[in-house]
C-alpha atoms as a PDB file:
ATOM      1  CA  UNK A   1      80.210  94.308 104.211  1.00  0.00           C
ATOM      2  CA  UNK A   2      80.328  91.059 106.113  1.00  0.00           C
ATOM      3  CA  UNK A   3      83.646  89.901 107.570  1.00  0.00           C
ATOM      4  CA  UNK A   4      83.866  86.992 105.150  1.00  0.00           C
ATOM      5  CA  UNK A   5      84.447  88.292 101.657  1.00  0.00           C
ATOM      6  CA  UNK A   6      84.464  86.588  98.287  1.00  0.00           C
ATOM      7  CA  UNK A   7      87.850  87.464  96.784  1.00  0.00           C
ATOM      8  CA  UNK A   8      88.974  86.880  93.184  1.00  0.00           C
ATOM      9  CA  UNK A   9      92.771  86.897  92.731  1.00  0.00           C
ATOM     10  CA  UNK A  10      94.224  86.724  89.208  1.00  0.00           C
ATOM     11  CA  UNK A  11      97.531  84.896  88.866  1.00  0.00           C
ATOM     12  CA  UNK A  12      96.850  82.878  92.009  1.00  0.00           C
ATOM     13  CA  UNK A  13      99.007  79.828  91.322  1.00  0.00           C
ATOM     14  CA  UNK A  14     102.468  81.164  92.222  1.00  0.00           C
ATOM     15  CA  UNK A  15     104.476  84.051  93.675  1.00  0.00           C
ATOM     16  CA  UNK A  16     102.623  87.037  95.120  1.00  0.00           C
ATOM     17  CA  UNK A  17      99.213  85.724  94.029  1.00  0.00           C
ATOM     18  CA  UNK A  18      99.713  82.406  95.799  1.00  0.00           C
ATOM     19  CA  UNK A  19     100.819  84.200  98.986  1.00  0.00           C
ATOM     20  CA  UNK A  20      97.776  86.505  98.829  1.00  0.00           C
ATOM     21  CA  UNK A  21      95.390  83.566  98.295  1.00  0.00           C
ATOM     22  CA  UNK A  22      96.944  81.584 101.151  1.00  0.00           C
ATOM     23  CA  UNK A  23      96.846  84.412 103.694  1.00  0.00           C
ATOM     24  CA  UNK A  24      93.296  85.559 102.854  1.00  0.00           C
ATOM     25  CA  UNK A  25      92.020  81.967 103.032  1.00  0.00           C
ATOM     26  CA  UNK A  26      93.565  81.579 106.507  1.00  0.00           C
ATOM     27  CA  UNK A  27      91.839  84.828 107.499  1.00  0.00           C
ATOM     28  CA  UNK A  28      88.477  83.206 106.716  1.00  0.00           C
ATOM     29  CA  UNK A  29      87.704  84.703 103.307  1.00  0.00           C
ATOM     30  CA  UNK A  30      86.338  82.725 100.357  1.00  0.00           C
ATOM     31  CA  UNK A  31      89.224  82.929  97.896  1.00  0.00           C
ATOM     32  CA  UNK A  32      89.204  82.045  94.200  1.00  0.00           C
ATOM     33  CA  UNK A  33      92.565  82.141  92.439  1.00  0.00           C
ATOM     34  CA  UNK A  34      92.969  82.135  88.667  1.00  0.00           C
ATOM     35  CA  UNK A  35      95.569  80.622  86.385  1.00  0.00           C
ATOM     36  CA  UNK A  36      95.928  80.302  82.613  1.00  0.00           C
ATOM     37  CA  UNK A  37      96.327  76.548  82.857  1.00  0.00           C
ATOM     38  CA  UNK A  38      93.752  74.251  84.409  1.00  0.00           C
ATOM     39  CA  UNK A  39      95.223  73.321  87.782  1.00  0.00           C
ATOM     40  CA  UNK A  40      94.487  70.723  90.377  1.00  0.00           C
ATOM     41  CA  UNK A  41      92.714  72.048  93.445  1.00  0.00           C
ATOM     42  CA  UNK A  42      95.136  73.848  95.794  1.00  0.00           C
ATOM     43  CA  UNK A  43      94.765  72.572  99.355  1.00  0.00           C
ATOM     44  CA  UNK A  44      92.928  75.529 100.855  1.00  0.00           C
ATOM     45  CA  UNK A  45      91.431  77.666  98.079  1.00  0.00           C
ATOM     46  CA  UNK A  46      89.653  77.199  94.754  1.00  0.00           C
ATOM     47  CA  UNK A  47      91.454  77.705  91.445  1.00  0.00           C
ATOM     48  CA  UNK A  48      89.659  78.530  88.200  1.00  0.00           C
ATOM     49  CA  UNK A  49      91.047  78.768  84.684  1.00  0.00           C
ATOM     50  CA  UNK A  50      91.291  82.298  83.343  1.00  0.00           C
ATOM     51  CA  UNK A  51      93.479  83.841  80.654  1.00  0.00           C
ATOM     52  CA  UNK A  52      93.392  87.611  81.222  1.00  0.00           C
ATOM     53  CA  UNK A  53      94.292  88.191  77.548  1.00  0.00           C
ATOM     54  CA  UNK A  54      91.132  86.366  76.416  1.00  0.00           C
ATOM     55  CA  UNK A  55      87.825  88.198  76.845  1.00  0.00           C
ATOM     56  CA  UNK A  56      85.685  85.037  76.681  1.00  0.00           C
ATOM     57  CA  UNK A  57      87.876  83.244  79.234  1.00  0.00           C
ATOM     58  CA  UNK A  58      87.593  86.197  81.659  1.00  0.00           C
ATOM     59  CA  UNK A  59      83.808  86.478  81.259  1.00  0.00           C
ATOM     60  CA  UNK A  60      83.345  82.742  81.733  1.00  0.00           C
ATOM     61  CA  UNK A  61      85.467  82.564  84.904  1.00  0.00           C
ATOM     62  CA  UNK A  62      83.752  85.585  86.494  1.00  0.00           C
ATOM     63  CA  UNK A  63      80.300  84.210  85.603  1.00  0.00           C
ATOM     64  CA  UNK A  64      81.248  80.861  87.226  1.00  0.00           C
ATOM     65  CA  UNK A  65      82.362  82.568  90.448  1.00  0.00           C
ATOM     66  CA  UNK A  66      79.170  84.667  90.597  1.00  0.00           C
ATOM     67  CA  UNK A  67      77.029  81.582  89.923  1.00  0.00           C
ATOM     68  CA  UNK A  68      78.753  79.700  92.745  1.00  0.00           C
ATOM     69  CA  UNK A  69      79.095  82.451  95.375  1.00  0.00           C
ATOM     70  CA  UNK A  70      76.523  85.046  94.295  1.00  0.00           C
ATOM     71  CA  UNK A  71      79.012  87.935  94.440  1.00  0.00           C
ATOM     72  CA  UNK A  72      82.605  89.148  94.233  1.00  0.00           C
ATOM     73  CA  UNK A  73      83.450  91.571  97.045  1.00  0.00           C
ATOM     74  CA  UNK A  74      87.115  92.072  96.212  1.00  0.00           C
ATOM     75  CA  UNK A  75      89.015  91.791  92.929  1.00  0.00           C
ATOM     76  CA  UNK A  76      92.809  91.613  93.134  1.00  0.00           C
ATOM     77  CA  UNK A  77      94.378  92.080  89.695  1.00  0.00           C
ATOM     78  CA  UNK A  78      97.745  90.448  90.247  1.00  0.00           C
ATOM     79  CA  UNK A  79      98.438  88.483  87.026  1.00  0.00           C
ATOM     80  CA  UNK A  80     101.307  90.081  85.134  1.00  0.00           C
ATOM     81  CA  UNK A  81     104.382  89.546  83.012  1.00  0.00           C
ATOM     82  CA  UNK A  82     107.912  90.886  83.259  1.00  0.00           C
ATOM     83  CA  UNK A  83     110.062  92.000  80.325  1.00  0.00           C
ATOM     84  CA  UNK A  84     113.738  92.853  79.927  1.00  0.00           C
ATOM     85  CA  UNK A  85     115.993  94.065  77.151  1.00  0.00           C
ATOM     86  CA  UNK A  86     117.245  97.317  75.613  1.00  0.00           C
ATOM     87  CA  UNK A  87     114.232  99.380  74.515  1.00  0.00           C
ATOM     88  CA  UNK A  88     115.620  99.561  70.968  1.00  0.00           C
ATOM     89  CA  UNK A  89     115.611  95.749  70.750  1.00  0.00           C
ATOM     90  CA  UNK A  90     112.067  95.150  72.021  1.00  0.00           C
ATOM     91  CA  UNK A  91     109.969  94.119  69.037  1.00  0.00           C
ATOM     92  CA  UNK A  92     106.563  95.872  68.999  1.00  0.00           C
ATOM     93  CA  UNK A  93     104.879  92.428  68.971  1.00  0.00           C
ATOM     94  CA  UNK A  94     106.665  91.551  72.222  1.00  0.00           C
ATOM     95  CA  UNK A  95     105.708  94.897  73.781  1.00  0.00           C
ATOM     96  CA  UNK A  96     102.086  94.335  72.733  1.00  0.00           C
ATOM     97  CA  UNK A  97     102.068  90.949  74.449  1.00  0.00           C
ATOM     98  CA  UNK A  98     103.246  92.570  77.670  1.00  0.00           C
ATOM     99  CA  UNK A  99     100.766  95.463  77.510  1.00  0.00           C
ATOM    100  CA  UNK A 100      97.952  93.039  76.665  1.00  0.00           C
ATOM    101  CA  UNK A 101      98.631  91.133  79.898  1.00  0.00           C
ATOM    102  CA  UNK A 102      99.669  93.955  82.255  1.00  0.00           C
ATOM    103  CA  UNK A 103      97.254  96.727  81.211  1.00  0.00           C
ATOM    104  CA  UNK A 104      94.387  95.289  79.176  1.00  0.00           C
ATOM    105  CA  UNK A 105      94.330  92.126  81.322  1.00  0.00           C
ATOM    106  CA  UNK A 106      93.242  93.963  84.486  1.00  0.00           C
ATOM    107  CA  UNK A 107      90.880  96.065  82.352  1.00  0.00           C
ATOM    108  CA  UNK A 108      89.119  92.943  81.004  1.00  0.00           C
ATOM    109  CA  UNK A 109      88.650  91.576  84.520  1.00  0.00           C
ATOM    110  CA  UNK A 110      87.408  94.953  85.825  1.00  0.00           C
ATOM    111  CA  UNK A 111      84.867  95.106  82.992  1.00  0.00           C
ATOM    112  CA  UNK A 112      83.581  91.636  83.867  1.00  0.00           C
ATOM    113  CA  UNK A 113      83.349  92.301  87.622  1.00  0.00           C
ATOM    114  CA  UNK A 114      82.147  95.930  87.753  1.00  0.00           C
ATOM    115  CA  UNK A 115      78.478  95.369  86.733  1.00  0.00           C
ATOM    116  CA  UNK A 116      78.069  92.922  89.666  1.00  0.00           C
ATOM    117  CA  UNK A 117      79.742  95.286  92.151  1.00  0.00           C
ATOM    118  CA  UNK A 118      77.665  98.202  90.883  1.00  0.00           C
ATOM    119  CA  UNK A 119      74.458  96.221  91.278  1.00  0.00           C
ATOM    120  CA  UNK A 120      75.321  95.452  94.907  1.00  0.00           C
ATOM    121  CA  UNK A 121      76.466  98.999  95.650  1.00  0.00           C
ATOM    122  CA  UNK A 122      79.900  98.079  96.956  1.00  0.00           C
ATOM    123  CA  UNK A 123      83.202  96.482  96.059  1.00  0.00           C
ATOM    124  CA  UNK A 124      86.965  96.841  96.228  1.00  0.00           C
ATOM    125  CA  UNK A 125      89.397  96.535  93.319  1.00  0.00           C
ATOM    126  CA  UNK A 126      93.111  96.258  94.154  1.00  0.00           C
ATOM    127  CA  UNK A 127      95.386  96.547  91.119  1.00  0.00           C
ATOM    128  CA  UNK A 128      98.902  95.245  91.762  1.00  0.00           C
ATOM    129  CA  UNK A 129     101.284  97.681  90.124  1.00  0.00           C
ATOM    130  CA  UNK A 130     105.017  98.014  90.952  1.00  0.00           C
ATOM    131  CA  UNK A 131     107.527 100.536  92.277  1.00  0.00           C
ATOM    132  CA  UNK A 132     108.711 100.433  88.623  1.00  0.00           C
ATOM    133  CA  UNK A 133     105.632 102.564  87.804  1.00  0.00           C
ATOM    134  CA  UNK A 134     107.418 105.561  89.335  1.00  0.00           C
ATOM    135  CA  UNK A 135     110.397 105.664  86.960  1.00  0.00           C
ATOM    136  CA  UNK A 136     111.625 104.249  83.673  1.00  0.00           C
ATOM    137  CA  UNK A 137     113.895 101.402  84.754  1.00  0.00           C
ATOM    138  CA  UNK A 138     116.782 100.882  82.311  1.00  0.00           C
ATOM    139  CA  UNK A 139     116.352  97.721  80.210  1.00  0.00           C
ATOM    140  CA  UNK A 140     112.838  97.267  81.583  1.00  0.00           C
ATOM    141  CA  UNK A 141     111.259 100.188  79.732  1.00  0.00           C
ATOM    142  CA  UNK A 142     108.013  98.464  78.833  1.00  0.00           C
ATOM    143  CA  UNK A 143     107.590  96.953  82.296  1.00  0.00           C
ATOM    144  CA  UNK A 144     107.790 100.461  83.804  1.00  0.00           C
ATOM    145  CA  UNK A 145     105.477 101.784  81.066  1.00  0.00           C
ATOM    146  CA  UNK A 146     102.873  99.041  81.642  1.00  0.00           C
ATOM    147  CA  UNK A 147     102.786  99.607  85.400  1.00  0.00           C
ATOM    148  CA  UNK A 148     102.616 103.399  85.008  1.00  0.00           C
ATOM    149  CA  UNK A 149      99.686 102.857  82.624  1.00  0.00           C
ATOM    150  CA  UNK A 150      97.954 100.630  85.195  1.00  0.00           C
ATOM    151  CA  UNK A 151      98.402 103.365  87.839  1.00  0.00           C
ATOM    152  CA  UNK A 152      96.807 106.052  85.652  1.00  0.00           C
ATOM    153  CA  UNK A 153      94.028 103.681  84.552  1.00  0.00           C
ATOM    154  CA  UNK A 154      93.243 102.884  88.206  1.00  0.00           C
ATOM    155  CA  UNK A 155      93.249 106.577  89.129  1.00  0.00           C
ATOM    156  CA  UNK A 156      90.700 107.404  86.432  1.00  0.00           C
ATOM    157  CA  UNK A 157      88.563 104.347  87.188  1.00  0.00           C
ATOM    158  CA  UNK A 158      88.462 105.120  90.918  1.00  0.00           C
ATOM    159  CA  UNK A 159      86.774 108.494  90.259  1.00  0.00           C
ATOM    160  CA  UNK A 160      84.294 106.966  87.802  1.00  0.00           C
ATOM    161  CA  UNK A 161      83.087 104.190  90.126  1.00  0.00           C
ATOM    162  CA  UNK A 162      83.310 105.949  93.495  1.00  0.00           C
ATOM    163  CA  UNK A 163      79.637 107.011  93.209  1.00  0.00           C
ATOM    164  CA  UNK A 164      78.623 103.325  93.082  1.00  0.00           C
ATOM    165  CA  UNK A 165      80.327 102.551  96.400  1.00  0.00           C
ATOM    166  CA  UNK A 166      83.316 100.889  94.696  1.00  0.00           C
ATOM    167  CA  UNK A 167      86.915 101.611  95.763  1.00  0.00           C
ATOM    168  CA  UNK A 168      89.827 101.221  93.343  1.00  0.00           C
ATOM    169  CA  UNK A 169      93.348 101.286  94.782  1.00  0.00           C
ATOM    170  CA  UNK A 170      96.838 100.250  93.672  1.00  0.00           C
ATOM    171  CA  UNK A 171      99.618  98.470  95.513  1.00  0.00           C
ATOM    172  CA  UNK A 172     103.239  98.929  94.413  1.00  0.00           C
ATOM    173  CA  UNK A 173     105.464  96.027  95.470  1.00  0.00           C
ATOM    174  CA  UNK A 174     109.250  96.299  95.351  1.00  0.00           C
ATOM    175  CA  UNK A 175     111.429  93.217  94.828  1.00  0.00           C
ATOM    176  CA  UNK A 176     109.828  90.060  96.195  1.00  0.00           C
ATOM    177  CA  UNK A 177     111.095  86.517  96.119  1.00  0.00           C
ATOM    178  CA  UNK A 178     109.007  85.180  93.197  1.00  0.00           C
ATOM    179  CA  UNK A 179     109.680  83.591  89.807  1.00  0.00           C
ATOM    180  CA  UNK A 180     108.776  86.695  87.743  1.00  0.00           C
ATOM    181  CA  UNK A 181     112.445  87.019  86.726  1.00  0.00           C
ATOM    182  CA  UNK A 182     112.545  83.549  85.173  1.00  0.00           C
ATOM    183  CA  UNK A 183     109.340  84.188  83.232  1.00  0.00           C
ATOM    184  CA  UNK A 184     110.328  87.600  81.790  1.00  0.00           C
ATOM    185  CA  UNK A 185     109.800  88.214  78.095  1.00  0.00           C
ATOM    186  CA  UNK A 186     113.057  88.853  76.216  1.00  0.00           C
ATOM    187  CA  UNK A 187     113.817  90.153  72.717  1.00  0.00           C
ATOM    188  CA  UNK A 188     115.179  87.669  70.165  1.00  0.00           C
ATOM    189  CA  UNK A 189     118.251  89.810  69.534  1.00  0.00           C
ATOM    190  CA  UNK A 190     120.402  92.163  71.660  1.00  0.00           C
ATOM    191  CA  UNK A 191     122.288  94.890  69.746  1.00  0.00           C
ATOM    192  CA  UNK A 192     126.033  94.488  70.473  1.00  0.00           C
ATOM    193  CA  UNK A 193     126.444  98.147  71.467  1.00  0.00           C
ATOM    194  CA  UNK A 194     123.769  97.716  74.145  1.00  0.00           C
ATOM    195  CA  UNK A 195     125.128  94.432  75.505  1.00  0.00           C
ATOM    196  CA  UNK A 196     127.620  95.728  78.155  1.00  0.00           C
ATOM    197  CA  UNK A 197     125.045  98.091  79.736  1.00  0.00           C
ATOM    198  CA  UNK A 198     122.302  95.476  79.545  1.00  0.00           C
ATOM    199  CA  UNK A 199     124.373  92.694  81.136  1.00  0.00           C
ATOM    200  CA  UNK A 200     125.541  94.995  83.933  1.00  0.00           C
ATOM    201  CA  UNK A 201     121.958  96.090  84.686  1.00  0.00           C
ATOM    202  CA  UNK A 202     120.757  92.472  84.746  1.00  0.00           C
ATOM    203  CA  UNK A 203     123.582  91.540  87.122  1.00  0.00           C
ATOM    204  CA  UNK A 204     122.554  94.362  89.494  1.00  0.00           C
ATOM    205  CA  UNK A 205     118.918  93.256  89.219  1.00  0.00           C
ATOM    206  CA  UNK A 206     119.905  89.630  89.898  1.00  0.00           C
ATOM    207  CA  UNK A 207     121.786  90.640  93.035  1.00  0.00           C
ATOM    208  CA  UNK A 208     118.855  92.696  94.333  1.00  0.00           C
ATOM    209  CA  UNK A 209     116.647  89.610  93.914  1.00  0.00           C
ATOM    210  CA  UNK A 210     118.829  87.737  96.414  1.00  0.00           C
ATOM    211  CA  UNK A 211     117.779  90.237  99.068  1.00  0.00           C
ATOM    212  CA  UNK A 212     114.150  90.230  97.995  1.00  0.00           C
ATOM    213  CA  UNK A 213     111.470  89.725 100.578  1.00  0.00           C
ATOM    214  CA  UNK A 214     108.870  87.143 101.528  1.00  0.00           C
ATOM    215  CA  UNK A 215     105.683  87.490  99.414  1.00  0.00           C
ATOM    216  CA  UNK A 216     103.635  87.052 102.594  1.00  0.00           C
ATOM    217  CA  UNK A 217     104.672  90.587 103.572  1.00  0.00           C
ATOM    218  CA  UNK A 218     102.703  91.893 100.580  1.00  0.00           C
ATOM    219  CA  UNK A 219      99.802  89.544 101.360  1.00  0.00           C
ATOM    220  CA  UNK A 220      99.606  91.019 104.891  1.00  0.00           C
ATOM    221  CA  UNK A 221      99.326  94.535 103.406  1.00  0.00           C
ATOM    222  CA  UNK A 222      96.498  93.374 101.106  1.00  0.00           C
ATOM    223  CA  UNK A 223      94.684  91.912 104.128  1.00  0.00           C
ATOM    224  CA  UNK A 224      95.072  95.251 105.923  1.00  0.00           C
ATOM    225  CA  UNK A 225      93.722  97.204 102.921  1.00  0.00           C
ATOM    226  CA  UNK A 226      90.648  94.934 102.821  1.00  0.00           C
ATOM    227  CA  UNK A 227      89.998  95.654 106.498  1.00  0.00           C
ATOM    228  CA  UNK A 228      90.267  99.454 106.034  1.00  0.00           C
ATOM    229  CA  UNK A 229      87.058 101.403 105.417  1.00  0.00           C
ATOM    230  CA  UNK A 230      88.708 103.978 103.137  1.00  0.00           C
ATOM    231  CA  UNK A 231      92.088 102.619 101.998  1.00  0.00           C
ATOM    232  CA  UNK A 232      94.685 105.025 100.590  1.00  0.00           C
ATOM    233  CA  UNK A 233      94.807 105.261  96.799  1.00  0.00           C
ATOM    234  CA  UNK A 234      98.357 103.883  96.480  1.00  0.00           C
ATOM    235  CA  UNK A 235     100.293 101.749  98.933  1.00  0.00           C
ATOM    236  CA  UNK A 236     104.017 101.153  98.425  1.00  0.00           C
ATOM    237  CA  UNK A 237     105.423  97.895  99.811  1.00  0.00           C
ATOM    238  CA  UNK A 238     109.153  98.433  99.410  1.00  0.00           C
ATOM    239  CA  UNK A 239     112.201  99.179 101.530  1.00  0.00           C
ATOM    240  CA  UNK A 240     115.586 100.870 101.502  1.00  0.00           C
ATOM    241  CA  UNK A 241     116.830 102.026  98.121  1.00  0.00           C
ATOM    242  CA  UNK A 242     113.486 101.446  96.399  1.00  0.00           C
ATOM    243  CA  UNK A 243     111.559 103.529  98.926  1.00  0.00           C
ATOM    244  CA  UNK A 244     114.246 106.214  98.784  1.00  0.00           C
ATOM    245  CA  UNK A 245     114.163 106.282  94.952  1.00  0.00           C
ATOM    246  CA  UNK A 246     110.414 107.031  94.888  1.00  0.00           C
ATOM    247  CA  UNK A 247     110.968 110.000  97.201  1.00  0.00           C
ATOM    248  CA  UNK A 248     114.018 111.162  95.208  1.00  0.00           C
ATOM    249  CA  UNK A 249     112.028 111.026  91.961  1.00  0.00           C
ATOM    250  CA  UNK A 250     109.390 113.324  93.481  1.00  0.00           C
ATOM    251  CA  UNK A 251     111.861 115.798  94.996  1.00  0.00           C
ATOM    252  CA  UNK A 252     114.874 115.990  92.689  1.00  0.00           C
ATOM    253  CA  UNK A 253     115.142 117.874  89.380  1.00  0.00           C
ATOM    254  CA  UNK A 254     114.745 115.464  86.445  1.00  0.00           C
ATOM    255  CA  UNK A 255     118.359 115.554  85.259  1.00  0.00           C
ATOM    256  CA  UNK A 256     119.725 115.016  88.744  1.00  0.00           C
ATOM    257  CA  UNK A 257     117.479 112.005  89.282  1.00  0.00           C
ATOM    258  CA  UNK A 258     118.488 110.580  85.872  1.00  0.00           C
ATOM    259  CA  UNK A 259     122.167 110.978  86.823  1.00  0.00           C
ATOM    260  CA  UNK A 260     121.519 109.105  90.076  1.00  0.00           C
ATOM    261  CA  UNK A 261     119.863 106.222  88.181  1.00  0.00           C
ATOM    262  CA  UNK A 262     122.731 106.049  85.658  1.00  0.00           C
ATOM    263  CA  UNK A 263     125.293 105.984  88.459  1.00  0.00           C
ATOM    264  CA  UNK A 264     123.434 103.095  90.110  1.00  0.00           C
ATOM    265  CA  UNK A 265     123.452 101.077  86.881  1.00  0.00           C
ATOM    266  CA  UNK A 266     127.087 101.817  86.055  1.00  0.00           C
END
């Protein structure tokens, strides 16, 4: 592959996506960010309109990029939603909205991009997951479930497309300083019995956000992955307690790990 790559980044208008687009543009790549709403041109990179929950919108945006640049070397599936609330209170319609964006969204974009990558005999797909994929986070059950689903999807896809010269990897960010918290889906009603536990968990989550890190740190990891001939299947970009928790989940008996999580949220 040439040094300059054509990179498509979903959810490129804010947060992690914006940081990724900015850094990769500075590194000399041709970057196209996507957003649901039509946006004015960002200073350094192109933005196109794409709603990952709408098949026609995805197909149209990918076709436009191919028409303009002739190829897509790297797809970064970053667009995603957050959700919070006691699992019992999450209406199935709300859960479906989340899964449609976080799981089927990346799938729609992969389906649109893969035929072009296959034709050229190379490509890299980076699916942005989360450390939440490793465990069921209390009061964010469907967020954890959606990211775990994206991990397993990526794992299966990577084996299927490896023979065509296409790599599929995931990146699991921890807490980063973005606006995902403000945009989280929430149930219309919280059951009174759940309220004390829920409010405590949200307070803990809010405090951890104050110590969250600069999105450019994640962008630098993405840049590194793109420069690696055979990148590792999953890269965790987290520190301290989050990094420790992933290890603990792998090593500890299930009940002991669950007790540790409960203690943290009490």
